[in-house]
């Protein structure tokens, strides 16, 4: 199954950044593989959920491109309703993949 290019370009860099921060000993190649798995799993969500995730991911990527990586990591610890859930979704999919591997 081909990855949705827009979802991949929005979620993948954020997932890699969060993984490298949360698990500093994780090799780069594994972080890339886990982030790709995360994007694949998000790609099979129902259309309305995928649209919502893409909208939040777009806002997060814009914020990261303006504010930088340290602020993105700060944002990943937020408890704001939608942003907190977005990062929790990325972490839960990523950690589940690592745990099973």
C-alpha atoms as a PDB file:
ATOM      1  CA  UNK A   1       0.000   0.000   0.000  1.00  0.00           C
ATOM      2  CA  UNK A   2       1.405   3.370  -0.977  1.00  0.00           C
ATOM      3  CA  UNK A   3       1.750   5.989   1.707  1.00  0.00           C
ATOM      4  CA  UNK A   4      -0.267   9.148   1.321  1.00  0.00           C
ATOM      5  CA  UNK A   5       2.427  11.696   0.434  1.00  0.00           C
ATOM      6  CA  UNK A   6       0.836  14.545   2.343  1.00  0.00           C
ATOM      7  CA  UNK A   7       0.342  12.523   5.512  1.00  0.00           C
ATOM      8  CA  UNK A   8       3.874  11.164   5.268  1.00  0.00           C
ATOM      9  CA  UNK A   9       5.452  14.595   4.870  1.00  0.00           C
ATOM     10  CA  UNK A  10       3.415  15.968   7.774  1.00  0.00           C
ATOM     11  CA  UNK A  11       3.671  13.180  10.350  1.00  0.00           C
ATOM     12  CA  UNK A  12       6.972  11.426   9.625  1.00  0.00           C
ATOM     13  CA  UNK A  13       9.381  14.234  10.658  1.00  0.00           C
ATOM     14  CA  UNK A  14       7.418  14.875  13.847  1.00  0.00           C
ATOM     15  CA  UNK A  15       7.364  11.183  14.716  1.00  0.00           C
ATOM     16  CA  UNK A  16      11.128  10.884  14.196  1.00  0.00           C
ATOM     17  CA  UNK A  17      11.796  13.962  16.342  1.00  0.00           C
ATOM     18  CA  UNK A  18       9.586  12.723  19.177  1.00  0.00           C
ATOM     19  CA  UNK A  19      11.102   9.230  19.029  1.00  0.00           C
ATOM     20  CA  UNK A  20      14.671  10.511  19.084  1.00  0.00           C
ATOM     21  CA  UNK A  21      13.857  12.671  22.086  1.00  0.00           C
ATOM     22  CA  UNK A  22      11.939  10.009  24.026  1.00  0.00           C
ATOM     23  CA  UNK A  23      14.309   7.142  23.173  1.00  0.00           C
ATOM     24  CA  UNK A  24      17.784   8.642  22.671  1.00  0.00           C
ATOM     25  CA  UNK A  25      19.434   5.221  22.283  1.00  0.00           C
ATOM     26  CA  UNK A  26      17.220   4.265  19.346  1.00  0.00           C
ATOM     27  CA  UNK A  27      19.267   3.934  16.131  1.00  0.00           C
ATOM     28  CA  UNK A  28      18.353   6.355  13.328  1.00  0.00           C
ATOM     29  CA  UNK A  29      17.368   3.566  10.923  1.00  0.00           C
ATOM     30  CA  UNK A  30      14.964   2.093  13.488  1.00  0.00           C
ATOM     31  CA  UNK A  31      13.467   5.520  14.216  1.00  0.00           C
ATOM     32  CA  UNK A  32      12.829   5.979  10.490  1.00  0.00           C
ATOM     33  CA  UNK A  33      11.254   2.516  10.253  1.00  0.00           C
ATOM     34  CA  UNK A  34       9.025   3.142  13.265  1.00  0.00           C
ATOM     35  CA  UNK A  35       7.935   6.548  11.933  1.00  0.00           C
ATOM     36  CA  UNK A  36       7.072   4.969   8.581  1.00  0.00           C
ATOM     37  CA  UNK A  37       4.996   2.323  10.371  1.00  0.00           C
ATOM     38  CA  UNK A  38       3.203   5.076  12.294  1.00  0.00           C
ATOM     39  CA  UNK A  39       2.339   6.916   9.073  1.00  0.00           C
ATOM     40  CA  UNK A  40       1.124   3.667   7.480  1.00  0.00           C
ATOM     41  CA  UNK A  41      -1.188   3.003  10.425  1.00  0.00           C
ATOM     42  CA  UNK A  42      -2.528   6.554  10.289  1.00  0.00           C
ATOM     43  CA  UNK A  43      -3.124   6.088   6.573  1.00  0.00           C
ATOM     44  CA  UNK A  44      -5.719   3.380   7.197  1.00  0.00           C
ATOM     45  CA  UNK A  45      -7.840   5.473   9.544  1.00  0.00           C
ATOM     46  CA  UNK A  46     -11.340   6.380   8.459  1.00  0.00           C
ATOM     47  CA  UNK A  47     -11.376   9.343   6.070  1.00  0.00           C
ATOM     48  CA  UNK A  48     -12.783  11.840   8.554  1.00  0.00           C
ATOM     49  CA  UNK A  49     -10.248  10.831  11.222  1.00  0.00           C
ATOM     50  CA  UNK A  50      -7.397  10.928   8.718  1.00  0.00           C
ATOM     51  CA  UNK A  51      -8.491  14.430   7.716  1.00  0.00           C
ATOM     52  CA  UNK A  52      -8.490  15.543  11.347  1.00  0.00           C
ATOM     53  CA  UNK A  53      -5.056  14.038  11.983  1.00  0.00           C
ATOM     54  CA  UNK A  54      -3.721  15.689   8.820  1.00  0.00           C
ATOM     55  CA  UNK A  55      -5.118  19.075   9.898  1.00  0.00           C
ATOM     56  CA  UNK A  56      -3.485  18.849  13.320  1.00  0.00           C
ATOM     57  CA  UNK A  57      -0.262  17.536  11.756  1.00  0.00           C
ATOM     58  CA  UNK A  58      -0.206  20.527   9.412  1.00  0.00           C
ATOM     59  CA  UNK A  59      -0.489  22.939  12.328  1.00  0.00           C
ATOM     60  CA  UNK A  60       2.243  21.087  14.215  1.00  0.00           C
ATOM     61  CA  UNK A  61       4.588  21.116  11.186  1.00  0.00           C
ATOM     62  CA  UNK A  62       3.996  24.841  10.667  1.00  0.00           C
ATOM     63  CA  UNK A  63       4.730  25.472  14.327  1.00  0.00           C
ATOM     64  CA  UNK A  64       7.883  23.327  14.157  1.00  0.00           C
ATOM     65  CA  UNK A  65       9.150  25.081  11.036  1.00  0.00           C
ATOM     66  CA  UNK A  66       8.689  28.492  12.650  1.00  0.00           C
ATOM     67  CA  UNK A  67       9.607  27.786  16.268  1.00  0.00           C
ATOM     68  CA  UNK A  68      12.132  24.953  15.827  1.00  0.00           C
ATOM     69  CA  UNK A  69      12.706  21.526  17.312  1.00  0.00           C
ATOM     70  CA  UNK A  70      13.020  22.537  20.995  1.00  0.00           C
ATOM     71  CA  UNK A  71       9.584  24.162  20.881  1.00  0.00           C
ATOM     72  CA  UNK A  72       8.162  21.133  19.076  1.00  0.00           C
ATOM     73  CA  UNK A  73       9.362  18.939  21.934  1.00  0.00           C
ATOM     74  CA  UNK A  74       7.826  21.405  24.396  1.00  0.00           C
ATOM     75  CA  UNK A  75       4.575  21.239  22.429  1.00  0.00           C
ATOM     76  CA  UNK A  76       4.664  17.433  22.541  1.00  0.00           C
ATOM     77  CA  UNK A  77       4.283  17.594  26.322  1.00  0.00           C
ATOM     78  CA  UNK A  78       1.177  19.769  26.225  1.00  0.00           C
ATOM     79  CA  UNK A  79      -2.155  18.702  27.631  1.00  0.00           C
ATOM     80  CA  UNK A  80      -4.227  20.744  25.207  1.00  0.00           C
ATOM     81  CA  UNK A  81      -7.125  18.603  23.981  1.00  0.00           C
ATOM     82  CA  UNK A  82      -6.266  17.989  20.317  1.00  0.00           C
ATOM     83  CA  UNK A  83      -2.519  18.594  20.353  1.00  0.00           C
ATOM     84  CA  UNK A  84      -1.962  16.340  23.329  1.00  0.00           C
ATOM     85  CA  UNK A  85      -3.978  13.583  21.678  1.00  0.00           C
ATOM     86  CA  UNK A  86      -2.007  13.924  18.438  1.00  0.00           C
ATOM     87  CA  UNK A  87       1.314  13.348  20.187  1.00  0.00           C
ATOM     88  CA  UNK A  88      -0.194  10.571  22.296  1.00  0.00           C
ATOM     89  CA  UNK A  89      -1.363   8.886  19.081  1.00  0.00           C
ATOM     90  CA  UNK A  90       2.128   9.095  17.572  1.00  0.00           C
ATOM     91  CA  UNK A  91       3.741   7.776  20.739  1.00  0.00           C
ATOM     92  CA  UNK A  92       1.278   4.919  21.219  1.00  0.00           C
ATOM     93  CA  UNK A  93       1.657   3.642  17.658  1.00  0.00           C
ATOM     94  CA  UNK A  94       5.433   4.014  17.779  1.00  0.00           C
ATOM     95  CA  UNK A  95       5.914   2.360  21.151  1.00  0.00           C
ATOM     96  CA  UNK A  96       3.599  -0.513  20.224  1.00  0.00           C
ATOM     97  CA  UNK A  97       5.686  -1.176  17.115  1.00  0.00           C
ATOM     98  CA  UNK A  98       8.944  -1.066  19.073  1.00  0.00           C
ATOM     99  CA  UNK A  99       7.513  -3.296  21.791  1.00  0.00           C
ATOM    100  CA  UNK A 100       6.363  -5.923  19.274  1.00  0.00           C
ATOM    101  CA  UNK A 101       9.644  -5.824  17.391  1.00  0.00           C
END
